[in-house]
Every structure is written in structure tokens, then in C-alpha cells.
Amino acid sequence: MVEMKVVYEGAVVGVSFPNDDGSSRQEALAKMAPWAPVCQGKLRPFDYKGDPALAVFWTVCAGSALRGAEAQVGCLPAVEVRRVLELIETGVRSVPNGRSKVDLATVLFVSIGQAANGLYGTSIRVVIP
């Protein structure tokens, strides 16, 4: 069994903003909410105003009907991005051909909740092999 190392644990930001394709992050989180402990996702690096950023996508919720779809649900907080990228860079030793080290990071959705204002939020854990 491969031991996983936690490189980030905390909140996802930007959950109330729409995605570039017009899809709703709130709708994605609402669909995922009942399945949070069995949902997984991935990180996608991008550039935000000249700085590195990491988008958080969900990809699958085991045992649910939520399969085959991918939706961005937010981003890692900007203050954490460089630290997380460094931990991934130094922590991942072997990379299969054609993949990046960030591709090997797995997002585990710890919880998804709805605040009094009706907005959903999520806490995640990012792990690497």
C-alpha cells in the first residue's frame, strides 16, 4: 500500500464565483454534498494575474451517480499555492511519462456544508504518493 503525504488541508476559496464556461460551482457542490467523504478530485495549475494558482476540480464520487463529469469548485487560497507546489515538487519522486507531478496529487473532499446565507463551501485534503 502506498503511503500518502498530506500537502494541504483546509478550505477552498472562490466557491461562489462562476466558472469560465458559465457553469456554477455552487451547483456542483450542492450535487456533491451528500457524497463528500467519497468524492475525489484533482488540481490544475493556471496563471492568475501573473501568479501561479491551483484550481480544484472534482472528478468522481464513489458509489454515487456523479460520474464522468468534472467541475471546478474553486481554488486553493493564493497564500498556500507556492508552498503546496513546492511540497508536490519535492515530495513526488517518480512521474509516469507524459504527466506532471501536480497530476499525481489527489484531492479528497473532507466536508461540504451550506452556510446560513445558503452558499456551499468545502474543506479538502490534498495528498501525494
N, C-alpha and C. Protein backbone atom coordinates (compact mmCIF):
# COMPACT_ATOMS: atom_id res chain seq x y z
N MET A 1 0.85 -1.19 0.00
CA MET A 1 0.00 0.00 0.00
C MET A 1 0.89 1.24 0.00
N VAL A 2 0.59 2.18 -0.86
CA VAL A 2 1.36 3.42 -0.97
C VAL A 2 0.93 4.39 0.13
N GLU A 3 1.91 4.87 0.87
CA GLU A 3 1.61 5.85 1.91
C GLU A 3 1.44 7.22 1.25
N MET A 4 0.40 7.92 1.64
CA MET A 4 0.12 9.24 1.07
C MET A 4 0.55 10.32 2.05
N LYS A 5 1.10 11.40 1.51
CA LYS A 5 1.54 12.54 2.32
C LYS A 5 0.58 13.69 2.10
N VAL A 6 0.10 14.30 3.17
CA VAL A 6 -0.80 15.45 3.09
C VAL A 6 0.04 16.69 2.80
N VAL A 7 -0.31 17.43 1.73
CA VAL A 7 0.41 18.67 1.40
C VAL A 7 -0.47 19.91 1.62
N TYR A 8 -1.76 19.70 1.80
CA TYR A 8 -2.67 20.83 2.11
C TYR A 8 -3.92 20.27 2.75
N GLU A 9 -4.40 20.95 3.76
CA GLU A 9 -5.68 20.62 4.37
C GLU A 9 -6.33 21.93 4.78
N GLY A 10 -7.51 22.19 4.22
CA GLY A 10 -8.19 23.44 4.54
C GLY A 10 -9.29 23.76 3.55
N ALA A 11 -9.66 25.01 3.55
CA ALA A 11 -10.80 25.47 2.75
C ALA A 11 -10.42 25.68 1.28
N VAL A 12 -11.44 25.64 0.46
CA VAL A 12 -11.35 26.01 -0.95
C VAL A 12 -11.98 27.40 -1.07
N VAL A 13 -11.32 28.29 -1.81
CA VAL A 13 -11.83 29.65 -1.97
C VAL A 13 -12.45 29.81 -3.36
N GLY A 14 -13.24 30.87 -3.52
CA GLY A 14 -13.83 31.16 -4.82
C GLY A 14 -15.02 30.30 -5.16
N VAL A 15 -15.63 29.67 -4.16
CA VAL A 15 -16.73 28.73 -4.43
C VAL A 15 -18.01 29.40 -4.93
N SER A 16 -18.13 30.69 -4.74
CA SER A 16 -19.36 31.37 -5.19
C SER A 16 -19.23 31.98 -6.59
N PHE A 17 -18.03 31.94 -7.16
CA PHE A 17 -17.82 32.50 -8.49
C PHE A 17 -18.22 31.50 -9.57
N PRO A 18 -18.72 31.99 -10.71
CA PRO A 18 -19.00 31.07 -11.83
C PRO A 18 -17.69 30.66 -12.50
N ASN A 19 -17.71 29.50 -13.14
CA ASN A 19 -16.55 29.04 -13.91
C ASN A 19 -16.51 29.76 -15.25
N ASP A 20 -15.35 29.71 -15.89
CA ASP A 20 -15.17 30.36 -17.19
C ASP A 20 -16.18 29.89 -18.22
N ASP A 21 -16.60 28.63 -18.12
CA ASP A 21 -17.57 28.08 -19.09
C ASP A 21 -19.02 28.40 -18.72
N GLY A 22 -19.21 29.17 -17.63
CA GLY A 22 -20.55 29.57 -17.21
C GLY A 22 -21.19 28.62 -16.21
N SER A 23 -20.57 27.47 -15.95
CA SER A 23 -21.15 26.53 -15.00
C SER A 23 -21.01 27.07 -13.57
N SER A 24 -21.88 26.59 -12.73
CA SER A 24 -21.95 27.08 -11.35
C SER A 24 -21.18 26.17 -10.39
N ARG A 25 -20.25 26.75 -9.67
CA ARG A 25 -19.53 25.99 -8.65
C ARG A 25 -20.47 25.60 -7.53
N GLN A 26 -21.44 26.47 -7.23
CA GLN A 26 -22.41 26.17 -6.18
C GLN A 26 -23.28 24.96 -6.54
N GLU A 27 -23.69 24.87 -7.80
CA GLU A 27 -24.48 23.71 -8.23
C GLU A 27 -23.68 22.42 -8.12
N ALA A 28 -22.41 22.48 -8.50
CA ALA A 28 -21.55 21.30 -8.38
C ALA A 28 -21.41 20.87 -6.92
N LEU A 29 -21.17 21.82 -6.03
CA LEU A 29 -21.03 21.49 -4.61
C LEU A 29 -22.34 20.95 -4.04
N ALA A 30 -23.47 21.50 -4.45
CA ALA A 30 -24.77 21.02 -3.97
C ALA A 30 -24.98 19.56 -4.37
N LYS A 31 -24.60 19.21 -5.61
CA LYS A 31 -24.73 17.81 -6.07
C LYS A 31 -23.81 16.88 -5.29
N MET A 32 -22.62 17.39 -4.95
CA MET A 32 -21.62 16.57 -4.26
C MET A 32 -21.89 16.43 -2.77
N ALA A 33 -22.60 17.37 -2.17
CA ALA A 33 -22.72 17.46 -0.72
C ALA A 33 -23.06 16.13 -0.03
N PRO A 34 -24.05 15.37 -0.50
CA PRO A 34 -24.36 14.12 0.20
C PRO A 34 -23.24 13.08 0.11
N TRP A 35 -22.35 13.25 -0.84
CA TRP A 35 -21.32 12.25 -1.11
C TRP A 35 -19.92 12.71 -0.69
N ALA A 36 -19.79 13.84 -0.03
CA ALA A 36 -18.48 14.46 0.24
C ALA A 36 -17.38 13.50 0.68
N PRO A 37 -17.61 12.63 1.65
CA PRO A 37 -16.49 11.80 2.11
C PRO A 37 -15.95 10.81 1.07
N VAL A 38 -16.70 10.56 0.02
CA VAL A 38 -16.23 9.62 -1.00
C VAL A 38 -15.94 10.31 -2.33
N CYS A 39 -15.89 11.64 -2.32
CA CYS A 39 -15.59 12.39 -3.54
C CYS A 39 -14.09 12.65 -3.63
N GLN A 40 -13.59 12.59 -4.86
CA GLN A 40 -12.19 12.88 -5.11
C GLN A 40 -12.08 13.84 -6.28
N GLY A 41 -10.94 14.46 -6.37
CA GLY A 41 -10.72 15.39 -7.46
C GLY A 41 -9.25 15.57 -7.74
N LYS A 42 -8.95 16.64 -8.46
CA LYS A 42 -7.57 16.91 -8.82
C LYS A 42 -7.32 18.41 -8.85
N LEU A 43 -6.04 18.75 -8.93
CA LEU A 43 -5.62 20.14 -9.04
C LEU A 43 -5.23 20.43 -10.47
N ARG A 44 -5.48 21.63 -10.91
CA ARG A 44 -5.00 22.08 -12.21
C ARG A 44 -4.31 23.42 -12.04
N PRO A 45 -3.03 23.48 -12.37
CA PRO A 45 -2.33 24.76 -12.26
C PRO A 45 -2.76 25.72 -13.36
N PHE A 46 -2.78 27.01 -13.03
CA PHE A 46 -3.04 28.04 -14.03
C PHE A 46 -2.39 29.33 -13.55
N ASP A 47 -2.38 30.30 -14.40
CA ASP A 47 -1.78 31.59 -14.10
C ASP A 47 -2.89 32.58 -13.79
N TYR A 48 -2.80 33.26 -12.66
CA TYR A 48 -3.79 34.27 -12.29
C TYR A 48 -3.08 35.60 -12.07
N LYS A 49 -3.25 36.49 -13.02
CA LYS A 49 -2.63 37.82 -12.95
C LYS A 49 -1.12 37.75 -12.70
N GLY A 50 -0.49 36.81 -13.40
CA GLY A 50 0.96 36.68 -13.30
C GLY A 50 1.47 35.82 -12.15
N ASP A 51 0.57 35.30 -11.34
CA ASP A 51 0.97 34.45 -10.21
C ASP A 51 0.45 33.03 -10.43
N PRO A 52 1.17 32.03 -9.89
CA PRO A 52 0.67 30.66 -10.01
C PRO A 52 -0.58 30.48 -9.16
N ALA A 53 -1.48 29.65 -9.65
CA ALA A 53 -2.71 29.35 -8.93
C ALA A 53 -3.04 27.88 -9.14
N LEU A 54 -3.87 27.32 -8.26
CA LEU A 54 -4.28 25.93 -8.37
C LEU A 54 -5.79 25.85 -8.27
N ALA A 55 -6.42 25.43 -9.38
CA ALA A 55 -7.86 25.22 -9.39
C ALA A 55 -8.16 23.83 -8.82
N VAL A 56 -9.28 23.71 -8.11
CA VAL A 56 -9.71 22.45 -7.53
C VAL A 56 -10.91 21.93 -8.34
N PHE A 57 -10.76 20.73 -8.88
CA PHE A 57 -11.82 20.08 -9.64
C PHE A 57 -12.26 18.81 -8.93
N TRP A 58 -13.56 18.51 -8.96
CA TRP A 58 -13.98 17.19 -8.51
C TRP A 58 -14.14 16.33 -9.75
N THR A 59 -13.83 15.05 -9.61
CA THR A 59 -13.86 14.15 -10.75
C THR A 59 -14.78 12.96 -10.54
N VAL A 60 -14.92 12.48 -9.32
CA VAL A 60 -15.75 11.30 -9.08
C VAL A 60 -16.20 11.26 -7.62
N CYS A 61 -17.39 10.71 -7.42
CA CYS A 61 -17.88 10.44 -6.07
C CYS A 61 -18.25 8.95 -6.06
N ALA A 62 -17.43 8.15 -5.42
CA ALA A 62 -17.61 6.69 -5.42
C ALA A 62 -18.99 6.30 -4.91
N GLY A 63 -19.61 5.37 -5.60
CA GLY A 63 -20.90 4.85 -5.16
C GLY A 63 -22.08 5.75 -5.48
N SER A 64 -21.84 6.86 -6.16
CA SER A 64 -22.94 7.77 -6.48
C SER A 64 -23.16 7.80 -7.98
N ALA A 65 -24.19 8.50 -8.38
CA ALA A 65 -24.47 8.67 -9.81
C ALA A 65 -23.62 9.79 -10.41
N LEU A 66 -22.80 10.43 -9.59
CA LEU A 66 -21.99 11.55 -10.06
C LEU A 66 -20.70 11.02 -10.67
N ARG A 67 -20.77 10.60 -11.91
CA ARG A 67 -19.60 10.05 -12.61
C ARG A 67 -19.45 10.73 -13.96
N GLY A 68 -18.24 10.76 -14.43
CA GLY A 68 -17.99 11.23 -15.78
C GLY A 68 -17.98 12.73 -15.95
N ALA A 69 -18.38 13.45 -14.93
CA ALA A 69 -18.39 14.91 -15.03
C ALA A 69 -17.19 15.45 -14.27
N GLU A 70 -16.74 16.59 -14.69
CA GLU A 70 -15.69 17.30 -13.98
C GLU A 70 -16.14 18.72 -13.84
N ALA A 71 -15.98 19.27 -12.66
CA ALA A 71 -16.37 20.66 -12.46
C ALA A 71 -15.39 21.33 -11.53
N GLN A 72 -15.02 22.55 -11.87
CA GLN A 72 -14.19 23.32 -10.95
C GLN A 72 -15.08 23.80 -9.82
N VAL A 73 -14.61 23.60 -8.59
CA VAL A 73 -15.40 24.03 -7.44
C VAL A 73 -14.73 25.18 -6.70
N GLY A 74 -13.56 25.60 -7.14
CA GLY A 74 -12.87 26.71 -6.50
C GLY A 74 -11.38 26.61 -6.70
N CYS A 75 -10.63 27.23 -5.80
CA CYS A 75 -9.17 27.26 -5.89
C CYS A 75 -8.57 27.13 -4.50
N LEU A 76 -7.30 26.74 -4.45
CA LEU A 76 -6.57 26.81 -3.19
C LEU A 76 -6.35 28.28 -2.87
N PRO A 77 -6.32 28.65 -1.59
CA PRO A 77 -6.03 30.04 -1.25
C PRO A 77 -4.67 30.45 -1.81
N ALA A 78 -4.60 31.66 -2.36
CA ALA A 78 -3.38 32.15 -3.01
C ALA A 78 -2.16 32.07 -2.09
N VAL A 79 -2.35 32.30 -0.80
CA VAL A 79 -1.22 32.28 0.13
C VAL A 79 -0.63 30.88 0.31
N GLU A 80 -1.36 29.84 -0.10
CA GLU A 80 -0.91 28.46 0.06
C GLU A 80 -0.30 27.86 -1.21
N VAL A 81 -0.53 28.49 -2.36
CA VAL A 81 -0.18 27.87 -3.65
C VAL A 81 1.30 27.56 -3.77
N ARG A 82 2.15 28.51 -3.53
CA ARG A 82 3.60 28.28 -3.70
C ARG A 82 4.11 27.18 -2.76
N ARG A 83 3.62 27.17 -1.53
CA ARG A 83 4.03 26.14 -0.58
C ARG A 83 3.58 24.76 -1.04
N VAL A 84 2.33 24.66 -1.49
CA VAL A 84 1.80 23.38 -1.96
C VAL A 84 2.56 22.90 -3.20
N LEU A 85 2.80 23.81 -4.14
CA LEU A 85 3.57 23.43 -5.34
C LEU A 85 4.97 22.95 -4.98
N GLU A 86 5.61 23.61 -4.02
CA GLU A 86 6.94 23.19 -3.58
C GLU A 86 6.90 21.81 -2.94
N LEU A 87 5.90 21.56 -2.09
CA LEU A 87 5.77 20.24 -1.45
C LEU A 87 5.52 19.15 -2.48
N ILE A 88 4.73 19.45 -3.49
CA ILE A 88 4.49 18.48 -4.55
C ILE A 88 5.77 18.24 -5.34
N GLU A 89 6.47 19.30 -5.68
CA GLU A 89 7.70 19.20 -6.46
C GLU A 89 8.76 18.36 -5.73
N THR A 90 8.92 18.60 -4.44
CA THR A 90 9.95 17.88 -3.69
C THR A 90 9.48 16.52 -3.18
N GLY A 91 8.17 16.33 -3.06
CA GLY A 91 7.64 15.09 -2.49
C GLY A 91 7.37 13.98 -3.47
N VAL A 92 7.06 14.31 -4.71
CA VAL A 92 6.77 13.29 -5.71
C VAL A 92 8.07 12.88 -6.37
N ARG A 93 8.41 11.62 -6.28
CA ARG A 93 9.70 11.14 -6.77
C ARG A 93 9.64 10.61 -8.20
N SER A 94 8.61 9.87 -8.51
CA SER A 94 8.53 9.22 -9.82
C SER A 94 7.29 9.70 -10.56
N VAL A 95 7.47 10.08 -11.82
CA VAL A 95 6.36 10.59 -12.63
C VAL A 95 6.25 9.77 -13.90
N PRO A 96 5.07 9.17 -14.14
CA PRO A 96 4.88 8.44 -15.39
C PRO A 96 5.04 9.36 -16.59
N ASN A 97 5.45 8.79 -17.70
CA ASN A 97 5.65 9.54 -18.93
C ASN A 97 4.43 10.38 -19.30
N GLY A 98 4.67 11.63 -19.65
CA GLY A 98 3.59 12.49 -20.12
C GLY A 98 2.75 13.13 -19.03
N ARG A 99 3.09 12.92 -17.78
CA ARG A 99 2.32 13.50 -16.69
C ARG A 99 3.21 14.47 -15.91
N SER A 100 2.55 15.36 -15.20
CA SER A 100 3.30 16.28 -14.34
C SER A 100 3.17 15.82 -12.90
N LYS A 101 3.99 16.35 -12.03
CA LYS A 101 3.91 15.99 -10.61
C LYS A 101 2.57 16.41 -10.02
N VAL A 102 2.03 17.55 -10.47
CA VAL A 102 0.74 18.01 -9.97
C VAL A 102 -0.37 17.02 -10.35
N ASP A 103 -0.23 16.35 -11.50
CA ASP A 103 -1.21 15.35 -11.92
C ASP A 103 -1.35 14.22 -10.90
N LEU A 104 -0.30 13.96 -10.15
CA LEU A 104 -0.31 12.85 -9.20
C LEU A 104 -0.93 13.22 -7.85
N ALA A 105 -1.20 14.48 -7.64
CA ALA A 105 -1.86 14.91 -6.40
C ALA A 105 -3.34 14.54 -6.47
N THR A 106 -3.88 14.07 -5.36
CA THR A 106 -5.29 13.72 -5.28
C THR A 106 -5.97 14.64 -4.28
N VAL A 107 -7.14 15.14 -4.66
CA VAL A 107 -7.95 15.97 -3.77
C VAL A 107 -9.01 15.08 -3.12
N LEU A 108 -9.04 15.06 -1.81
CA LEU A 108 -10.06 14.34 -1.05
C LEU A 108 -10.98 15.38 -0.42
N PHE A 109 -12.28 15.26 -0.67
CA PHE A 109 -13.23 16.22 -0.11
C PHE A 109 -13.60 15.76 1.30
N VAL A 110 -13.19 16.55 2.29
CA VAL A 110 -13.41 16.20 3.69
C VAL A 110 -14.84 16.50 4.09
N SER A 111 -15.33 17.67 3.71
CA SER A 111 -16.70 18.05 4.04
C SER A 111 -17.21 19.10 3.06
N ILE A 112 -18.51 19.09 2.89
CA ILE A 112 -19.19 20.12 2.09
C ILE A 112 -20.40 20.55 2.91
N GLY A 113 -20.50 21.82 3.19
CA GLY A 113 -21.60 22.30 4.00
C GLY A 113 -22.23 23.54 3.42
N GLN A 114 -23.43 23.84 3.91
CA GLN A 114 -24.17 25.01 3.45
C GLN A 114 -24.27 25.99 4.60
N ALA A 115 -23.83 27.22 4.36
CA ALA A 115 -23.86 28.27 5.39
C ALA A 115 -25.27 28.85 5.52
N ALA A 116 -25.46 29.67 6.54
CA ALA A 116 -26.75 30.31 6.78
C ALA A 116 -27.19 31.16 5.59
N ASN A 117 -26.22 31.69 4.83
CA ASN A 117 -26.57 32.51 3.68
C ASN A 117 -26.92 31.67 2.45
N GLY A 118 -26.92 30.35 2.60
CA GLY A 118 -27.31 29.46 1.51
C GLY A 118 -26.16 29.01 0.62
N LEU A 119 -24.97 29.58 0.79
CA LEU A 119 -23.83 29.22 -0.05
C LEU A 119 -23.13 27.96 0.49
N TYR A 120 -22.69 27.13 -0.44
CA TYR A 120 -21.93 25.93 -0.09
C TYR A 120 -20.46 26.27 -0.01
N GLY A 121 -19.76 25.56 0.87
CA GLY A 121 -18.32 25.65 0.98
C GLY A 121 -17.77 24.26 1.18
N THR A 122 -16.48 24.09 1.00
CA THR A 122 -15.88 22.77 1.15
C THR A 122 -14.50 22.84 1.76
N SER A 123 -14.17 21.81 2.48
CA SER A 123 -12.82 21.60 3.01
C SER A 123 -12.24 20.38 2.31
N ILE A 124 -10.95 20.48 2.00
CA ILE A 124 -10.30 19.40 1.27
C ILE A 124 -8.99 18.99 1.93
N ARG A 125 -8.49 17.86 1.49
CA ARG A 125 -7.15 17.39 1.85
C ARG A 125 -6.49 17.03 0.52
N VAL A 126 -5.31 17.58 0.26
CA VAL A 126 -4.55 17.25 -0.94
C VAL A 126 -3.42 16.32 -0.53
N VAL A 127 -3.35 15.15 -1.19
CA VAL A 127 -2.34 14.15 -0.85
C VAL A 127 -1.52 13.78 -2.08
N ILE A 128 -0.29 13.36 -1.83
CA ILE A 128 0.59 12.89 -2.91
C ILE A 128 1.16 11.54 -2.49
N PRO A 129 1.52 10.72 -3.49
CA PRO A 129 2.11 9.41 -3.16
C PRO A 129 3.54 9.57 -2.67
